[in-house]
Amino acid sequence: MLPKDIITLAITGASGAAYATRLLQWLNANGYFVHVLVSDAGRVVMTTEADLKLSKSPEKQKQELVKKLRLNEDLLECWSQTNWSSPVASGSSSPDKMVVCPCTTGSLSAIATGASNNLIERAADVVLKERGKLILVPRETPYSMIHLKNMLAVTEAGGVILPASPGFYHGPEKIEQLVDFIVSRILDHLGITNSISTRWGYMNN
């Protein structure tokens, strides 16, 4: 069975592992193939916040994610930061949708300037140059002027800055509901219909 679509998910070292794991689980469960790229700092955050210790080896990472998050392994591939043979490294084969979640301000800076020092940065650069959909989910506070200028640069290049700032109008009682709010907005901007979070105007329905 063919996947509904192919999406790149990059996990960097900002706090917010729950957003990444929930997004990956939802996409996987709903038939989307995901290329997963995890930075070294991202692996630290996954261990600290998600009790998920990921190996540096992408092959082992895949099995660890499948086991911990109960994923369909046929809809998942992991890549090292130095594997320039990955399909996400070239405009001729890269998916046209990518999410960096959570996104460090360091990754934001590199993407804003087109640094392409590793596969995450290159994949983001490819999506922008191919006029695809790039969504960055920063989780930082406060923001400096440098951060804001970098966000503006990415926005002007065609990317979407989607801060991990959940709403509260839906009356969340659990952390999971706050996580789902952000994941729902990410899916919205990927053009994926979803109903995992209560929307404005429907709170009492």
N, C-alpha and C. Protein backbone atom coordinates (compact mmCIF):
# COMPACT_ATOMS: atom_id res chain seq x y z
N MET A 1 0.84 -1.19 0.00
CA MET A 1 0.00 0.00 0.00
C MET A 1 0.88 1.24 0.00
N LEU A 2 0.63 2.16 -0.93
CA LEU A 2 1.42 3.36 -1.03
C LEU A 2 1.07 4.34 0.08
N PRO A 3 2.07 5.10 0.58
CA PRO A 3 1.79 6.11 1.61
C PRO A 3 0.97 7.25 1.03
N LYS A 4 0.23 7.94 1.89
CA LYS A 4 -0.57 9.08 1.43
C LYS A 4 0.33 10.20 0.93
N ASP A 5 1.47 10.37 1.59
CA ASP A 5 2.43 11.41 1.23
C ASP A 5 3.74 11.10 1.93
N ILE A 6 4.79 11.83 1.58
CA ILE A 6 6.09 11.65 2.19
C ILE A 6 6.52 12.96 2.83
N ILE A 7 6.93 12.90 4.09
CA ILE A 7 7.26 14.10 4.85
C ILE A 7 8.60 13.89 5.56
N THR A 8 9.39 14.94 5.62
CA THR A 8 10.63 14.90 6.38
C THR A 8 10.40 15.53 7.75
N LEU A 9 10.81 14.83 8.81
CA LEU A 9 10.72 15.35 10.17
C LEU A 9 12.11 15.41 10.77
N ALA A 10 12.55 16.61 11.10
CA ALA A 10 13.84 16.80 11.75
C ALA A 10 13.61 17.14 13.22
N ILE A 11 14.35 16.47 14.09
CA ILE A 11 14.23 16.68 15.53
C ILE A 11 15.56 17.24 16.03
N THR A 12 15.55 18.49 16.49
CA THR A 12 16.78 19.11 16.97
C THR A 12 16.72 19.28 18.49
N GLY A 13 17.71 19.98 19.05
CA GLY A 13 17.90 19.95 20.49
C GLY A 13 17.12 20.91 21.35
N ALA A 14 16.09 21.55 20.83
CA ALA A 14 15.25 22.40 21.68
C ALA A 14 14.32 21.53 22.52
N SER A 15 13.89 22.05 23.65
CA SER A 15 12.91 21.34 24.47
C SER A 15 11.61 21.21 23.68
N GLY A 16 10.94 20.07 23.83
CA GLY A 16 9.69 19.87 23.11
C GLY A 16 9.62 18.54 22.40
N ALA A 17 10.27 17.53 22.96
CA ALA A 17 10.26 16.20 22.34
C ALA A 17 8.85 15.65 22.17
N ALA A 18 7.95 16.02 23.07
CA ALA A 18 6.58 15.51 23.00
C ALA A 18 5.89 15.91 21.70
N TYR A 19 6.20 17.09 21.20
CA TYR A 19 5.61 17.53 19.93
C TYR A 19 6.09 16.63 18.79
N ALA A 20 7.37 16.31 18.80
CA ALA A 20 7.95 15.49 17.73
C ALA A 20 7.39 14.07 17.76
N THR A 21 7.35 13.47 18.94
CA THR A 21 6.88 12.08 19.03
C THR A 21 5.40 11.96 18.68
N ARG A 22 4.60 12.92 19.12
CA ARG A 22 3.17 12.88 18.81
C ARG A 22 2.93 13.08 17.31
N LEU A 23 3.67 14.01 16.72
CA LEU A 23 3.53 14.25 15.28
C LEU A 23 3.93 13.00 14.50
N LEU A 24 5.03 12.39 14.88
CA LEU A 24 5.49 11.18 14.19
C LEU A 24 4.48 10.05 14.34
N GLN A 25 3.95 9.87 15.54
CA GLN A 25 2.96 8.81 15.76
C GLN A 25 1.72 9.04 14.92
N TRP A 26 1.24 10.27 14.86
CA TRP A 26 0.02 10.56 14.11
C TRP A 26 0.24 10.33 12.62
N LEU A 27 1.33 10.85 12.09
CA LEU A 27 1.61 10.67 10.66
C LEU A 27 1.74 9.20 10.31
N ASN A 28 2.45 8.45 11.14
CA ASN A 28 2.66 7.03 10.89
C ASN A 28 1.34 6.26 10.94
N ALA A 29 0.53 6.55 11.94
CA ALA A 29 -0.74 5.84 12.11
C ALA A 29 -1.73 6.16 11.00
N ASN A 30 -1.54 7.31 10.36
CA ASN A 30 -2.48 7.72 9.32
C ASN A 30 -1.93 7.55 7.90
N GLY A 31 -0.89 6.72 7.77
CA GLY A 31 -0.45 6.31 6.45
C GLY A 31 0.54 7.21 5.73
N TYR A 32 1.26 8.06 6.47
CA TYR A 32 2.25 8.94 5.86
C TYR A 32 3.66 8.38 6.08
N PHE A 33 4.47 8.39 5.04
CA PHE A 33 5.86 7.95 5.17
C PHE A 33 6.68 9.13 5.68
N VAL A 34 7.54 8.86 6.67
CA VAL A 34 8.32 9.94 7.28
C VAL A 34 9.82 9.62 7.25
N HIS A 35 10.58 10.57 6.70
CA HIS A 35 12.04 10.53 6.81
C HIS A 35 12.40 11.25 8.11
N VAL A 36 13.08 10.56 9.02
CA VAL A 36 13.40 11.15 10.32
C VAL A 36 14.89 11.48 10.40
N LEU A 37 15.18 12.72 10.78
CA LEU A 37 16.55 13.18 10.96
C LEU A 37 16.67 13.71 12.39
N VAL A 38 17.57 13.15 13.18
CA VAL A 38 17.71 13.56 14.58
C VAL A 38 19.14 14.06 14.81
N SER A 39 19.27 15.29 15.30
CA SER A 39 20.59 15.83 15.60
C SER A 39 21.12 15.20 16.89
N ASP A 40 22.41 15.38 17.16
CA ASP A 40 22.99 14.86 18.39
C ASP A 40 22.30 15.46 19.61
N ALA A 41 22.06 16.77 19.57
CA ALA A 41 21.36 17.42 20.69
C ALA A 41 19.92 16.95 20.76
N GLY A 42 19.34 16.64 19.61
CA GLY A 42 17.98 16.10 19.59
C GLY A 42 17.89 14.77 20.29
N ARG A 43 18.93 13.96 20.15
CA ARG A 43 18.95 12.66 20.84
C ARG A 43 19.01 12.85 22.35
N VAL A 44 19.72 13.88 22.80
CA VAL A 44 19.79 14.18 24.23
C VAL A 44 18.41 14.57 24.76
N VAL A 45 17.72 15.43 24.01
CA VAL A 45 16.39 15.87 24.43
C VAL A 45 15.41 14.71 24.43
N MET A 46 15.49 13.83 23.46
CA MET A 46 14.60 12.67 23.41
C MET A 46 14.82 11.77 24.62
N THR A 47 16.06 11.63 25.03
CA THR A 47 16.36 10.82 26.23
C THR A 47 15.79 11.49 27.47
N THR A 48 16.02 12.80 27.59
CA THR A 48 15.62 13.54 28.78
C THR A 48 14.11 13.68 28.92
N GLU A 49 13.43 13.98 27.81
CA GLU A 49 12.02 14.33 27.88
C GLU A 49 11.06 13.21 27.48
N ALA A 50 11.54 12.28 26.68
CA ALA A 50 10.64 11.22 26.18
C ALA A 50 11.05 9.84 26.65
N ASP A 51 12.07 9.78 27.50
CA ASP A 51 12.59 8.49 27.98
C ASP A 51 12.88 7.57 26.80
N LEU A 52 13.44 8.16 25.75
CA LEU A 52 13.73 7.42 24.53
C LEU A 52 15.18 7.65 24.15
N LYS A 53 16.02 6.68 24.47
CA LYS A 53 17.44 6.78 24.18
C LYS A 53 17.70 6.28 22.77
N LEU A 54 18.06 7.21 21.89
CA LEU A 54 18.28 6.87 20.50
C LEU A 54 19.77 6.68 20.22
N SER A 55 20.08 5.63 19.52
CA SER A 55 21.46 5.37 19.11
C SER A 55 21.88 6.36 18.03
N LYS A 56 23.17 6.48 17.80
CA LYS A 56 23.65 7.33 16.72
C LYS A 56 23.41 6.68 15.36
N SER A 57 23.41 5.36 15.34
CA SER A 57 23.18 4.61 14.10
C SER A 57 21.73 4.79 13.65
N PRO A 58 21.50 5.23 12.41
CA PRO A 58 20.12 5.40 11.93
C PRO A 58 19.34 4.09 11.87
N GLU A 59 20.04 2.99 11.60
CA GLU A 59 19.36 1.69 11.56
C GLU A 59 18.81 1.34 12.94
N LYS A 60 19.62 1.57 13.98
CA LYS A 60 19.17 1.30 15.35
C LYS A 60 18.11 2.30 15.78
N GLN A 61 18.29 3.56 15.36
CA GLN A 61 17.29 4.58 15.68
C GLN A 61 15.90 4.15 15.21
N LYS A 62 15.86 3.64 14.00
CA LYS A 62 14.57 3.23 13.43
C LYS A 62 13.91 2.18 14.29
N GLN A 63 14.64 1.16 14.69
CA GLN A 63 14.07 0.10 15.51
C GLN A 63 13.68 0.60 16.89
N GLU A 64 14.45 1.53 17.43
CA GLU A 64 14.12 2.10 18.75
C GLU A 64 12.85 2.93 18.69
N LEU A 65 12.68 3.70 17.63
CA LEU A 65 11.46 4.48 17.46
C LEU A 65 10.25 3.58 17.23
N VAL A 66 10.43 2.57 16.41
CA VAL A 66 9.34 1.62 16.13
C VAL A 66 8.87 0.95 17.41
N LYS A 67 9.81 0.52 18.23
CA LYS A 67 9.47 -0.20 19.46
C LYS A 67 8.83 0.72 20.49
N LYS A 68 9.43 1.88 20.72
CA LYS A 68 8.95 2.78 21.77
C LYS A 68 7.62 3.43 21.41
N LEU A 69 7.48 3.85 20.15
CA LEU A 69 6.29 4.59 19.73
C LEU A 69 5.27 3.72 19.00
N ARG A 70 5.59 2.42 18.86
CA ARG A 70 4.69 1.46 18.21
C ARG A 70 4.34 1.90 16.79
N LEU A 71 5.38 2.07 16.00
CA LEU A 71 5.23 2.57 14.64
C LEU A 71 5.25 1.44 13.62
N ASN A 72 4.69 1.71 12.46
CA ASN A 72 4.79 0.82 11.31
C ASN A 72 6.13 1.09 10.65
N GLU A 73 7.05 0.13 10.72
CA GLU A 73 8.40 0.36 10.21
C GLU A 73 8.45 0.56 8.70
N ASP A 74 7.42 0.13 7.99
CA ASP A 74 7.39 0.30 6.55
C ASP A 74 7.16 1.76 6.14
N LEU A 75 6.74 2.58 7.09
CA LEU A 75 6.46 3.98 6.81
C LEU A 75 7.47 4.91 7.48
N LEU A 76 8.68 4.42 7.68
CA LEU A 76 9.67 5.18 8.44
C LEU A 76 11.07 4.89 7.93
N GLU A 77 11.89 5.93 7.83
CA GLU A 77 13.31 5.77 7.55
C GLU A 77 14.09 6.83 8.31
N CYS A 78 15.20 6.43 8.91
CA CYS A 78 16.04 7.35 9.65
C CYS A 78 17.35 7.56 8.88
N TRP A 79 17.90 8.77 9.01
CA TRP A 79 19.12 9.12 8.28
C TRP A 79 20.11 9.80 9.21
N SER A 80 21.39 9.52 9.01
CA SER A 80 22.43 10.19 9.79
C SER A 80 22.63 11.60 9.24
N GLN A 81 23.26 12.44 10.04
CA GLN A 81 23.47 13.83 9.65
C GLN A 81 24.53 14.00 8.56
N THR A 82 25.22 12.93 8.24
CA THR A 82 26.28 13.02 7.23
C THR A 82 26.01 12.15 6.00
N ASN A 83 24.81 11.64 5.89
CA ASN A 83 24.48 10.78 4.75
C ASN A 83 23.94 11.64 3.60
N TRP A 84 24.86 12.09 2.77
CA TRP A 84 24.47 12.97 1.67
C TRP A 84 23.83 12.21 0.52
N SER A 85 23.75 10.89 0.63
CA SER A 85 23.07 10.08 -0.39
C SER A 85 21.58 9.94 -0.11
N SER A 86 21.13 10.48 1.02
CA SER A 86 19.71 10.43 1.37
C SER A 86 18.88 11.18 0.33
N PRO A 87 17.68 10.70 0.03
CA PRO A 87 16.83 11.41 -0.94
C PRO A 87 16.46 12.82 -0.51
N VAL A 88 16.52 13.11 0.80
CA VAL A 88 16.15 14.45 1.25
C VAL A 88 17.22 15.48 0.95
N ALA A 89 18.39 15.03 0.47
CA ALA A 89 19.51 15.94 0.20
C ALA A 89 19.48 16.55 -1.19
N SER A 90 18.54 16.12 -2.02
CA SER A 90 18.51 16.60 -3.41
C SER A 90 17.11 17.01 -3.83
N GLY A 91 17.04 18.09 -4.58
CA GLY A 91 15.76 18.55 -5.08
C GLY A 91 15.10 17.59 -6.05
N SER A 92 15.87 16.68 -6.62
CA SER A 92 15.31 15.73 -7.58
C SER A 92 14.55 14.59 -6.90
N SER A 93 14.74 14.45 -5.58
CA SER A 93 14.11 13.32 -4.89
C SER A 93 13.52 13.68 -3.53
N SER A 94 13.74 14.89 -3.07
CA SER A 94 13.30 15.28 -1.73
C SER A 94 11.78 15.43 -1.65
N PRO A 95 11.19 15.05 -0.50
CA PRO A 95 9.77 15.36 -0.28
C PRO A 95 9.58 16.88 -0.30
N ASP A 96 8.39 17.34 -0.65
CA ASP A 96 8.17 18.78 -0.70
C ASP A 96 7.60 19.34 0.59
N LYS A 97 7.60 18.52 1.64
CA LYS A 97 7.12 18.96 2.95
C LYS A 97 8.12 18.55 4.02
N MET A 98 8.46 19.51 4.90
CA MET A 98 9.41 19.22 5.97
C MET A 98 9.03 20.01 7.21
N VAL A 99 9.18 19.35 8.36
CA VAL A 99 8.93 19.98 9.66
C VAL A 99 10.18 19.83 10.51
N VAL A 100 10.65 20.91 11.10
CA VAL A 100 11.73 20.85 12.08
C VAL A 100 11.08 21.09 13.43
N CYS A 101 10.95 20.03 14.22
CA CYS A 101 10.16 20.09 15.46
C CYS A 101 10.76 19.17 16.52
N PRO A 102 11.21 19.73 17.63
CA PRO A 102 11.39 21.16 17.88
C PRO A 102 12.59 21.70 17.12
N CYS A 103 12.61 23.01 16.94
CA CYS A 103 13.68 23.65 16.18
C CYS A 103 14.50 24.55 17.09
N THR A 104 15.78 24.28 17.22
CA THR A 104 16.65 25.14 18.02
C THR A 104 16.87 26.46 17.29
N THR A 105 17.28 27.48 18.04
CA THR A 105 17.59 28.75 17.40
C THR A 105 18.87 28.63 16.57
N GLY A 106 19.72 27.66 16.92
CA GLY A 106 20.91 27.40 16.11
C GLY A 106 20.54 26.85 14.75
N SER A 107 19.60 25.89 14.73
CA SER A 107 19.13 25.34 13.46
C SER A 107 18.40 26.41 12.66
N LEU A 108 17.62 27.23 13.35
CA LEU A 108 16.93 28.35 12.70
C LEU A 108 17.93 29.25 11.99
N SER A 109 19.01 29.59 12.70
CA SER A 109 20.04 30.46 12.13
C SER A 109 20.67 29.84 10.88
N ALA A 110 21.02 28.57 10.97
CA ALA A 110 21.65 27.88 9.84
C ALA A 110 20.72 27.81 8.64
N ILE A 111 19.44 27.52 8.90
CA ILE A 111 18.47 27.43 7.81
C ILE A 111 18.23 28.80 7.18
N ALA A 112 18.18 29.83 8.03
CA ALA A 112 17.94 31.19 7.54
C ALA A 112 19.06 31.67 6.62
N THR A 113 20.26 31.17 6.84
CA THR A 113 21.42 31.61 6.04
C THR A 113 21.82 30.59 4.98
N GLY A 114 21.11 29.47 4.90
CA GLY A 114 21.41 28.46 3.90
C GLY A 114 22.72 27.75 4.13
N ALA A 115 23.08 27.54 5.40
CA ALA A 115 24.40 26.99 5.74
C ALA A 115 24.62 25.58 5.19
N SER A 116 23.64 24.71 5.35
CA SER A 116 23.72 23.33 4.84
C SER A 116 24.95 22.56 5.32
N ASN A 117 25.28 22.70 6.60
CA ASN A 117 26.43 21.99 7.17
C ASN A 117 26.14 20.54 7.50
N ASN A 118 24.87 20.18 7.62
CA ASN A 118 24.49 18.80 7.91
C ASN A 118 23.21 18.48 7.15
N LEU A 119 22.73 17.25 7.29
CA LEU A 119 21.60 16.83 6.47
C LEU A 119 20.31 17.56 6.82
N ILE A 120 20.12 17.90 8.10
CA ILE A 120 18.92 18.66 8.48
C ILE A 120 18.91 20.00 7.76
N GLU A 121 20.03 20.71 7.84
CA GLU A 121 20.12 22.03 7.22
C GLU A 121 19.98 21.94 5.70
N ARG A 122 20.61 20.92 5.11
CA ARG A 122 20.53 20.75 3.66
C ARG A 122 19.10 20.41 3.23
N ALA A 123 18.44 19.52 3.97
CA ALA A 123 17.08 19.13 3.63
C ALA A 123 16.15 20.34 3.66
N ALA A 124 16.32 21.19 4.67
CA ALA A 124 15.51 22.40 4.77
C ALA A 124 15.80 23.34 3.60
N ASP A 125 17.07 23.47 3.26
CA ASP A 125 17.47 24.33 2.14
C ASP A 125 16.85 23.84 0.83
N VAL A 126 16.83 22.52 0.66
CA VAL A 126 16.25 21.93 -0.55
C VAL A 126 14.76 22.23 -0.64
N VAL A 127 14.05 22.06 0.46
CA VAL A 127 12.60 22.32 0.45
C VAL A 127 12.32 23.78 0.10
N LEU A 128 13.11 24.69 0.64
CA LEU A 128 12.92 26.10 0.33
C LEU A 128 13.21 26.39 -1.14
N LYS A 129 14.31 25.87 -1.65
CA LYS A 129 14.68 26.19 -3.04
C LYS A 129 13.71 25.56 -4.04
N GLU A 130 13.10 24.44 -3.64
CA GLU A 130 12.14 23.77 -4.51
C GLU A 130 10.72 24.31 -4.32
N ARG A 131 10.61 25.35 -3.50
CA ARG A 131 9.31 26.00 -3.22
C ARG A 131 8.32 25.05 -2.57
N GLY A 132 8.85 24.21 -1.67
CA GLY A 132 7.99 23.31 -0.92
C GLY A 132 7.50 23.96 0.36
N LYS A 133 7.02 23.15 1.28
CA LYS A 133 6.48 23.64 2.55
C LYS A 133 7.46 23.29 3.67
N LEU A 134 8.08 24.30 4.25
CA LEU A 134 8.99 24.13 5.37
C LEU A 134 8.38 24.76 6.61
N ILE A 135 8.24 23.97 7.67
CA ILE A 135 7.67 24.46 8.92
C ILE A 135 8.69 24.30 10.03
N LEU A 136 9.04 25.41 10.68
CA LEU A 136 9.95 25.37 11.82
C LEU A 136 9.15 25.62 13.09
N VAL A 137 9.38 24.78 14.10
CA VAL A 137 8.65 24.88 15.37
C VAL A 137 9.64 25.22 16.48
N PRO A 138 9.95 26.51 16.64
CA PRO A 138 10.90 26.90 17.69
C PRO A 138 10.27 26.80 19.07
N ARG A 139 11.09 26.45 20.05
CA ARG A 139 10.62 26.40 21.44
C ARG A 139 11.70 27.08 22.27
N GLU A 140 11.60 28.39 22.34
CA GLU A 140 12.60 29.21 23.02
C GLU A 140 11.90 30.40 23.63
N THR A 141 12.43 30.91 24.74
CA THR A 141 11.87 32.12 25.33
C THR A 141 12.88 32.77 26.26
N PRO A 142 13.07 34.08 26.19
CA PRO A 142 12.52 34.98 25.18
C PRO A 142 13.30 34.87 23.87
N TYR A 143 12.83 35.57 22.86
CA TYR A 143 13.55 35.62 21.60
C TYR A 143 14.41 36.88 21.54
N SER A 144 15.62 36.75 21.02
CA SER A 144 16.47 37.92 20.82
C SER A 144 16.17 38.52 19.45
N MET A 145 16.72 39.69 19.20
CA MET A 145 16.54 40.31 17.89
C MET A 145 17.13 39.43 16.79
N ILE A 146 18.23 38.74 17.10
CA ILE A 146 18.84 37.82 16.13
C ILE A 146 17.86 36.72 15.76
N HIS A 147 17.21 36.14 16.78
CA HIS A 147 16.22 35.09 16.51
C HIS A 147 15.10 35.61 15.61
N LEU A 148 14.59 36.79 15.95
CA LEU A 148 13.47 37.36 15.21
C LEU A 148 13.85 37.68 13.77
N LYS A 149 15.08 38.18 13.57
CA LYS A 149 15.53 38.46 12.20
C LYS A 149 15.67 37.17 11.40
N ASN A 150 16.14 36.12 12.06
CA ASN A 150 16.26 34.83 11.37
C ASN A 150 14.88 34.27 11.02
N MET A 151 13.92 34.45 11.91
CA MET A 151 12.55 34.01 11.62
C MET A 151 11.99 34.78 10.42
N LEU A 152 12.28 36.08 10.38
CA LEU A 152 11.82 36.89 9.25
C LEU A 152 12.46 36.41 7.95
N ALA A 153 13.75 36.09 8.01
CA ALA A 153 14.45 35.62 6.81
C ALA A 153 13.84 34.33 6.28
N VAL A 154 13.54 33.40 7.19
CA VAL A 154 12.93 32.13 6.78
C VAL A 154 11.54 32.38 6.20
N THR A 155 10.78 33.26 6.84
CA THR A 155 9.44 33.58 6.35
C THR A 155 9.49 34.20 4.96
N GLU A 156 10.43 35.12 4.76
CA GLU A 156 10.57 35.76 3.45
C GLU A 156 11.00 34.76 2.38
N ALA A 157 11.70 33.70 2.81
CA ALA A 157 12.13 32.66 1.86
C ALA A 157 11.03 31.66 1.56
N GLY A 158 9.90 31.78 2.26
CA GLY A 158 8.77 30.90 1.99
C GLY A 158 8.45 29.90 3.08
N GLY A 159 9.24 29.91 4.17
CA GLY A 159 8.99 28.99 5.27
C GLY A 159 7.92 29.50 6.22
N VAL A 160 7.50 28.62 7.12
CA VAL A 160 6.49 28.97 8.13
C VAL A 160 7.12 28.82 9.51
N ILE A 161 7.04 29.88 10.31
CA ILE A 161 7.49 29.83 11.70
C ILE A 161 6.26 29.55 12.55
N LEU A 162 6.24 28.39 13.20
CA LEU A 162 5.09 27.97 13.99
C LEU A 162 5.56 27.69 15.41
N PRO A 163 5.61 28.72 16.26
CA PRO A 163 6.14 28.55 17.62
C PRO A 163 5.33 27.54 18.42
N ALA A 164 6.00 26.83 19.29
CA ALA A 164 5.32 25.86 20.17
C ALA A 164 4.63 26.62 21.30
N SER A 165 3.60 27.37 20.93
CA SER A 165 2.85 28.20 21.89
C SER A 165 1.38 27.81 21.82
N PRO A 166 0.98 26.79 22.56
CA PRO A 166 -0.39 26.29 22.47
C PRO A 166 -1.42 27.27 23.02
N GLY A 167 -2.63 27.20 22.46
CA GLY A 167 -3.73 27.98 22.98
C GLY A 167 -4.35 27.29 24.20
N PHE A 168 -5.20 28.02 24.91
CA PHE A 168 -5.84 27.48 26.10
C PHE A 168 -7.36 27.59 26.05
N TYR A 169 -7.89 28.11 24.94
CA TYR A 169 -9.33 28.34 24.85
C TYR A 169 -10.14 27.05 24.81
N HIS A 170 -9.47 25.92 24.52
CA HIS A 170 -10.19 24.64 24.46
C HIS A 170 -10.24 23.95 25.83
N GLY A 171 -9.78 24.65 26.87
CA GLY A 171 -9.87 24.11 28.23
C GLY A 171 -9.06 22.86 28.46
N PRO A 172 -7.78 22.87 28.13
CA PRO A 172 -6.96 21.66 28.30
C PRO A 172 -6.83 21.26 29.77
N GLU A 173 -6.94 19.97 30.01
CA GLU A 173 -6.78 19.43 31.37
C GLU A 173 -5.54 18.56 31.49
N LYS A 174 -4.94 18.22 30.35
CA LYS A 174 -3.75 17.38 30.34
C LYS A 174 -2.70 17.98 29.42
N ILE A 175 -1.44 17.68 29.69
CA ILE A 175 -0.35 18.15 28.84
C ILE A 175 -0.56 17.67 27.41
N GLU A 176 -1.07 16.46 27.25
CA GLU A 176 -1.28 15.90 25.92
C GLU A 176 -2.19 16.78 25.06
N GLN A 177 -3.14 17.45 25.69
CA GLN A 177 -4.04 18.32 24.94
C GLN A 177 -3.33 19.57 24.43
N LEU A 178 -2.35 20.04 25.19
CA LEU A 178 -1.55 21.18 24.75
C LEU A 178 -0.64 20.75 23.60
N VAL A 179 -0.08 19.57 23.71
CA VAL A 179 0.76 19.03 22.64
C VAL A 179 -0.07 18.86 21.37
N ASP A 180 -1.26 18.30 21.50
CA ASP A 180 -2.12 18.07 20.34
C ASP A 180 -2.50 19.38 19.65
N PHE A 181 -2.64 20.45 20.42
CA PHE A 181 -2.97 21.75 19.83
C PHE A 181 -1.92 22.15 18.81
N ILE A 182 -0.65 22.04 19.19
CA ILE A 182 0.44 22.41 18.29
C ILE A 182 0.55 21.43 17.13
N VAL A 183 0.45 20.15 17.42
CA VAL A 183 0.54 19.14 16.35
C VAL A 183 -0.58 19.35 15.33
N SER A 184 -1.76 19.69 15.80
CA SER A 184 -2.88 19.95 14.90
C SER A 184 -2.57 21.12 13.97
N ARG A 185 -1.96 22.18 14.52
CA ARG A 185 -1.62 23.34 13.70
C ARG A 185 -0.53 23.02 12.69
N ILE A 186 0.42 22.16 13.09
CA ILE A 186 1.45 21.71 12.15
C ILE A 186 0.80 20.97 10.98
N LEU A 187 -0.10 20.05 11.32
CA LEU A 187 -0.79 19.28 10.28
C LEU A 187 -1.61 20.20 9.37
N ASP A 188 -2.25 21.20 9.96
CA ASP A 188 -3.00 22.17 9.16
C ASP A 188 -2.10 22.80 8.09
N HIS A 189 -0.91 23.21 8.51
CA HIS A 189 -0.01 23.90 7.58
C HIS A 189 0.68 22.95 6.61
N LEU A 190 0.60 21.66 6.90
CA LEU A 190 1.04 20.66 5.92
C LEU A 190 -0.06 20.34 4.93
N GLY A 191 -1.24 20.91 5.17
CA GLY A 191 -2.38 20.65 4.30
C GLY A 191 -3.07 19.33 4.60
N ILE A 192 -2.92 18.86 5.85
CA ILE A 192 -3.48 17.57 6.24
C ILE A 192 -4.69 17.78 7.16
N THR A 193 -5.84 17.32 6.73
CA THR A 193 -7.05 17.44 7.53
C THR A 193 -6.93 16.59 8.79
N ASN A 194 -7.31 17.16 9.92
CA ASN A 194 -7.21 16.43 11.18
C ASN A 194 -8.20 17.00 12.18
N SER A 195 -8.48 16.21 13.21
CA SER A 195 -9.41 16.65 14.26
C SER A 195 -8.88 16.25 15.63
N ILE A 196 -7.56 16.34 15.82
CA ILE A 196 -6.99 15.87 17.08
C ILE A 196 -7.07 16.90 18.20
N SER A 197 -7.45 18.15 17.85
CA SER A 197 -7.59 19.17 18.87
C SER A 197 -8.88 19.95 18.64
N THR A 198 -9.51 20.37 19.72
CA THR A 198 -10.75 21.14 19.62
C THR A 198 -10.46 22.52 19.06
N ARG A 199 -11.22 22.94 18.07
CA ARG A 199 -10.98 24.22 17.42
C ARG A 199 -11.89 25.32 17.96
N TRP A 200 -11.46 26.55 17.76
CA TRP A 200 -12.23 27.70 18.19
C TRP A 200 -13.63 27.66 17.58
N GLY A 201 -14.63 27.93 18.40
CA GLY A 201 -16.01 27.91 17.93
C GLY A 201 -16.71 26.59 18.12
N TYR A 202 -15.93 25.55 18.50
CA TYR A 202 -16.49 24.21 18.67
C TYR A 202 -16.25 23.66 20.08
N MET A 203 -15.86 24.55 21.01
CA MET A 203 -15.49 24.09 22.35
C MET A 203 -16.63 23.40 23.08
N ASN A 204 -17.86 23.84 22.84
CA ASN A 204 -19.00 23.30 23.58
C ASN A 204 -19.83 22.33 22.75
N ASN A 205 -19.33 21.95 21.58
CA ASN A 205 -20.08 21.04 20.71
C ASN A 205 -19.68 19.60 20.94
